[in-house]
Amino acid sequence: MYELNSLLREYDRARAYTDDLWRDLTPDEVTWRPHEDSSAIGWHLGHQAHVAHFMIRNLTAAEPSPDPELDGLMDSANPEKFRGALPTVERLTA
């Protein structure tokens, strides 16, 4: 069984690696969608944060959403065409 500190370090390492993959992209590249039914890189970044919050913080500590306005947008249960426009790169980063 893994200890919590080891799992948290690995989680932080994975997040840092993901950040390194997209940090040099332009806002247009982050929000570009190859097809109307495809999600942009920025959506995937927001979705990761949404799922992490829901699965870790909400289920273990019942913390409220850090940005309730983005909950529906970042929920993969909502079809792409009903999600709405992505926020700015700055808001996604936050």
N, C-alpha and C. Protein backbone atom coordinates (compact mmCIF):
# COMPACT_ATOMS: atom_id res chain seq x y z
N MET A 1 0.84 -1.18 0.00
CA MET A 1 0.00 0.00 0.00
C MET A 1 0.88 1.24 0.00
N TYR A 2 0.52 2.20 -0.82
CA TYR A 2 1.27 3.45 -0.90
C TYR A 2 0.88 4.37 0.25
N GLU A 3 1.85 5.11 0.70
CA GLU A 3 1.56 6.11 1.71
C GLU A 3 1.03 7.37 1.03
N LEU A 4 0.21 8.10 1.74
CA LEU A 4 -0.42 9.29 1.19
C LEU A 4 0.61 10.29 0.67
N ASN A 5 1.68 10.53 1.41
CA ASN A 5 2.70 11.50 0.97
C ASN A 5 3.33 11.08 -0.35
N SER A 6 3.56 9.80 -0.54
CA SER A 6 4.12 9.31 -1.80
C SER A 6 3.15 9.54 -2.95
N LEU A 7 1.88 9.28 -2.71
CA LEU A 7 0.87 9.50 -3.74
C LEU A 7 0.74 10.98 -4.09
N LEU A 8 0.77 11.84 -3.08
CA LEU A 8 0.69 13.28 -3.34
C LEU A 8 1.90 13.78 -4.12
N ARG A 9 3.07 13.29 -3.81
CA ARG A 9 4.28 13.67 -4.57
C ARG A 9 4.15 13.25 -6.03
N GLU A 10 3.67 12.04 -6.26
CA GLU A 10 3.49 11.56 -7.63
C GLU A 10 2.43 12.37 -8.37
N TYR A 11 1.37 12.72 -7.68
CA TYR A 11 0.32 13.56 -8.27
C TYR A 11 0.88 14.92 -8.65
N ASP A 12 1.64 15.54 -7.76
CA ASP A 12 2.26 16.84 -8.06
C ASP A 12 3.24 16.73 -9.22
N ARG A 13 3.98 15.63 -9.29
CA ARG A 13 4.92 15.42 -10.40
C ARG A 13 4.17 15.30 -11.73
N ALA A 14 3.06 14.58 -11.73
CA ALA A 14 2.27 14.43 -12.95
C ALA A 14 1.68 15.77 -13.39
N ARG A 15 1.19 16.56 -12.44
CA ARG A 15 0.65 17.88 -12.78
C ARG A 15 1.74 18.79 -13.35
N ALA A 16 2.92 18.75 -12.77
CA ALA A 16 4.03 19.58 -13.27
C ALA A 16 4.40 19.16 -14.70
N TYR A 17 4.39 17.87 -14.96
CA TYR A 17 4.70 17.38 -16.31
C TYR A 17 3.64 17.88 -17.30
N THR A 18 2.37 17.81 -16.92
CA THR A 18 1.30 18.31 -17.79
C THR A 18 1.48 19.79 -18.06
N ASP A 19 1.80 20.56 -17.04
CA ASP A 19 2.03 22.00 -17.24
C ASP A 19 3.17 22.26 -18.22
N ASP A 20 4.22 21.47 -18.15
CA ASP A 20 5.34 21.65 -19.08
C ASP A 20 4.93 21.40 -20.53
N LEU A 21 3.93 20.56 -20.74
CA LEU A 21 3.50 20.23 -22.10
C LEU A 21 2.76 21.35 -22.80
N TRP A 22 2.09 22.21 -22.06
CA TRP A 22 1.24 23.21 -22.73
C TRP A 22 1.67 24.65 -22.51
N ARG A 23 2.59 24.92 -21.61
CA ARG A 23 2.94 26.29 -21.23
C ARG A 23 3.46 27.16 -22.38
N ASP A 24 4.05 26.56 -23.40
CA ASP A 24 4.59 27.37 -24.50
C ASP A 24 3.58 27.53 -25.64
N LEU A 25 2.36 27.05 -25.47
CA LEU A 25 1.34 27.20 -26.50
C LEU A 25 0.72 28.59 -26.43
N THR A 26 0.29 29.07 -27.57
CA THR A 26 -0.41 30.35 -27.63
C THR A 26 -1.86 30.14 -27.17
N PRO A 27 -2.55 31.24 -26.78
CA PRO A 27 -3.97 31.09 -26.42
C PRO A 27 -4.80 30.47 -27.56
N ASP A 28 -4.48 30.80 -28.80
CA ASP A 28 -5.21 30.20 -29.92
C ASP A 28 -4.98 28.69 -30.00
N GLU A 29 -3.77 28.25 -29.71
CA GLU A 29 -3.49 26.81 -29.73
C GLU A 29 -4.18 26.09 -28.57
N VAL A 30 -4.28 26.75 -27.44
CA VAL A 30 -4.93 26.14 -26.27
C VAL A 30 -6.43 26.00 -26.50
N THR A 31 -7.03 26.92 -27.23
CA THR A 31 -8.49 26.89 -27.43
C THR A 31 -8.91 26.31 -28.78
N TRP A 32 -7.97 25.95 -29.64
CA TRP A 32 -8.28 25.40 -30.97
C TRP A 32 -8.91 24.03 -30.85
N ARG A 33 -9.95 23.82 -31.64
CA ARG A 33 -10.62 22.53 -31.70
C ARG A 33 -10.51 22.00 -33.13
N PRO A 34 -10.00 20.79 -33.31
CA PRO A 34 -9.83 20.25 -34.66
C PRO A 34 -11.15 19.93 -35.36
N HIS A 35 -12.22 19.81 -34.60
CA HIS A 35 -13.53 19.48 -35.14
C HIS A 35 -14.57 19.98 -34.15
N GLU A 36 -15.77 20.27 -34.60
CA GLU A 36 -16.80 20.82 -33.71
C GLU A 36 -17.19 19.86 -32.59
N ASP A 37 -16.95 18.57 -32.77
CA ASP A 37 -17.25 17.59 -31.72
C ASP A 37 -16.00 17.18 -30.94
N SER A 38 -14.92 17.91 -31.12
CA SER A 38 -13.67 17.62 -30.41
C SER A 38 -13.41 18.70 -29.38
N SER A 39 -12.75 18.32 -28.31
CA SER A 39 -12.42 19.27 -27.25
C SER A 39 -11.03 19.85 -27.45
N ALA A 40 -10.89 21.10 -27.04
CA ALA A 40 -9.60 21.78 -27.13
C ALA A 40 -8.68 21.33 -25.99
N ILE A 41 -7.39 21.60 -26.16
CA ILE A 41 -6.42 21.31 -25.11
C ILE A 41 -6.84 21.99 -23.81
N GLY A 42 -7.29 23.23 -23.91
CA GLY A 42 -7.71 23.96 -22.72
C GLY A 42 -8.86 23.29 -21.99
N TRP A 43 -9.77 22.67 -22.74
CA TRP A 43 -10.85 21.96 -22.07
C TRP A 43 -10.29 20.79 -21.28
N HIS A 44 -9.36 20.07 -21.86
CA HIS A 44 -8.78 18.92 -21.17
C HIS A 44 -8.05 19.35 -19.90
N LEU A 45 -7.38 20.49 -19.95
CA LEU A 45 -6.71 21.00 -18.75
C LEU A 45 -7.74 21.32 -17.66
N GLY A 46 -8.81 22.00 -18.04
CA GLY A 46 -9.86 22.32 -17.08
C GLY A 46 -10.58 21.08 -16.58
N HIS A 47 -10.77 20.12 -17.46
CA HIS A 47 -11.45 18.88 -17.08
C HIS A 47 -10.62 18.11 -16.05
N GLN A 48 -9.31 18.08 -16.24
CA GLN A 48 -8.44 17.41 -15.26
C GLN A 48 -8.60 18.04 -13.88
N ALA A 49 -8.61 19.35 -13.85
CA ALA A 49 -8.77 20.05 -12.57
C ALA A 49 -10.15 19.79 -11.97
N HIS A 50 -11.17 19.78 -12.81
CA HIS A 50 -12.54 19.53 -12.36
C HIS A 50 -12.65 18.13 -11.75
N VAL A 51 -12.14 17.13 -12.44
CA VAL A 51 -12.21 15.76 -11.95
C VAL A 51 -11.38 15.61 -10.68
N ALA A 52 -10.19 16.21 -10.66
CA ALA A 52 -9.35 16.13 -9.46
C ALA A 52 -10.06 16.74 -8.26
N HIS A 53 -10.71 17.87 -8.47
CA HIS A 53 -11.44 18.49 -7.37
C HIS A 53 -12.57 17.59 -6.91
N PHE A 54 -13.35 17.11 -7.84
CA PHE A 54 -14.50 16.30 -7.48
C PHE A 54 -14.07 15.01 -6.77
N MET A 55 -13.08 14.32 -7.34
CA MET A 55 -12.70 13.03 -6.80
C MET A 55 -11.88 13.13 -5.52
N ILE A 56 -11.09 14.15 -5.39
CA ILE A 56 -10.21 14.24 -4.22
C ILE A 56 -10.78 15.16 -3.16
N ARG A 57 -10.99 16.40 -3.52
CA ARG A 57 -11.38 17.38 -2.50
C ARG A 57 -12.85 17.25 -2.10
N ASN A 58 -13.73 17.12 -3.06
CA ASN A 58 -15.15 17.08 -2.73
C ASN A 58 -15.52 15.79 -1.99
N LEU A 59 -15.04 14.66 -2.48
CA LEU A 59 -15.42 13.41 -1.85
C LEU A 59 -14.74 13.18 -0.51
N THR A 60 -13.56 13.75 -0.30
CA THR A 60 -12.86 13.52 0.96
C THR A 60 -13.09 14.62 1.98
N ALA A 61 -13.34 15.84 1.53
CA ALA A 61 -13.46 16.94 2.48
C ALA A 61 -14.70 17.80 2.26
N ALA A 62 -15.53 17.44 1.29
CA ALA A 62 -16.75 18.19 0.98
C ALA A 62 -16.47 19.67 0.75
N GLU A 63 -15.36 19.96 0.07
CA GLU A 63 -15.03 21.35 -0.24
C GLU A 63 -15.88 21.82 -1.41
N PRO A 64 -16.27 23.09 -1.41
CA PRO A 64 -17.03 23.62 -2.55
C PRO A 64 -16.13 23.76 -3.78
N SER A 65 -16.76 23.85 -4.91
CA SER A 65 -16.03 24.03 -6.16
C SER A 65 -15.23 25.32 -6.13
N PRO A 66 -13.99 25.32 -6.65
CA PRO A 66 -13.22 26.55 -6.70
C PRO A 66 -13.77 27.55 -7.72
N ASP A 67 -14.55 27.09 -8.70
CA ASP A 67 -15.12 27.98 -9.71
C ASP A 67 -16.42 27.36 -10.23
N PRO A 68 -17.52 27.52 -9.50
CA PRO A 68 -18.78 26.87 -9.88
C PRO A 68 -19.25 27.19 -11.30
N GLU A 69 -18.90 28.36 -11.82
CA GLU A 69 -19.32 28.72 -13.17
C GLU A 69 -18.71 27.80 -14.23
N LEU A 70 -17.59 27.15 -13.90
CA LEU A 70 -16.94 26.27 -14.86
C LEU A 70 -17.34 24.81 -14.71
N ASP A 71 -18.09 24.47 -13.69
CA ASP A 71 -18.43 23.07 -13.43
C ASP A 71 -19.11 22.41 -14.63
N GLY A 72 -20.14 23.03 -15.17
CA GLY A 72 -20.84 22.44 -16.32
C GLY A 72 -19.99 22.37 -17.56
N LEU A 73 -19.16 23.37 -17.76
CA LEU A 73 -18.28 23.41 -18.92
C LEU A 73 -17.26 22.27 -18.90
N MET A 74 -16.72 21.98 -17.74
CA MET A 74 -15.64 20.99 -17.62
C MET A 74 -16.14 19.58 -17.35
N ASP A 75 -17.44 19.39 -17.29
CA ASP A 75 -18.02 18.08 -17.03
C ASP A 75 -18.15 17.32 -18.34
N SER A 76 -17.47 16.20 -18.45
CA SER A 76 -17.50 15.44 -19.70
C SER A 76 -18.86 14.77 -19.94
N ALA A 77 -19.74 14.78 -18.95
CA ALA A 77 -21.09 14.25 -19.17
C ALA A 77 -21.89 15.18 -20.08
N ASN A 78 -21.47 16.44 -20.19
CA ASN A 78 -22.12 17.38 -21.10
C ASN A 78 -21.51 17.23 -22.49
N PRO A 79 -22.31 16.98 -23.49
CA PRO A 79 -21.75 16.89 -24.85
C PRO A 79 -21.03 18.17 -25.24
N GLU A 80 -20.02 18.04 -26.04
CA GLU A 80 -19.18 19.17 -26.46
C GLU A 80 -20.00 20.36 -26.92
N LYS A 81 -21.01 20.13 -27.74
CA LYS A 81 -21.76 21.24 -28.31
C LYS A 81 -22.58 22.01 -27.27
N PHE A 82 -22.77 21.45 -26.07
CA PHE A 82 -23.53 22.13 -25.02
C PHE A 82 -22.66 22.73 -23.92
N ARG A 83 -21.35 22.60 -24.05
CA ARG A 83 -20.46 23.05 -22.97
C ARG A 83 -20.26 24.55 -22.92
N GLY A 84 -20.22 25.20 -24.05
CA GLY A 84 -19.96 26.63 -24.07
C GLY A 84 -18.51 26.94 -24.38
N ALA A 85 -18.19 28.22 -24.38
CA ALA A 85 -16.84 28.68 -24.75
C ALA A 85 -15.88 28.53 -23.57
N LEU A 86 -14.64 28.26 -23.91
CA LEU A 86 -13.61 28.16 -22.88
C LEU A 86 -13.29 29.54 -22.31
N PRO A 87 -12.91 29.58 -21.05
CA PRO A 87 -12.47 30.85 -20.47
C PRO A 87 -11.08 31.19 -20.98
N THR A 88 -10.55 32.30 -20.53
CA THR A 88 -9.21 32.70 -20.94
C THR A 88 -8.17 31.71 -20.40
N VAL A 89 -7.00 31.73 -21.00
CA VAL A 89 -5.90 30.88 -20.55
C VAL A 89 -5.55 31.20 -19.10
N GLU A 90 -5.63 32.48 -18.73
CA GLU A 90 -5.32 32.87 -17.35
C GLU A 90 -6.29 32.22 -16.36
N ARG A 91 -7.56 32.19 -16.71
CA ARG A 91 -8.55 31.58 -15.82
C ARG A 91 -8.36 30.08 -15.77
N LEU A 92 -8.05 29.46 -16.91
CA LEU A 92 -7.77 28.02 -16.92
C LEU A 92 -6.57 27.70 -16.04
N THR A 93 -5.57 28.51 -16.13
CA THR A 93 -4.36 28.29 -15.33
C THR A 93 -4.65 28.40 -13.84
N ALA A 94 -5.45 29.38 -13.49
CA ALA A 94 -5.79 29.56 -12.07
C ALA A 94 -6.57 28.38 -11.56
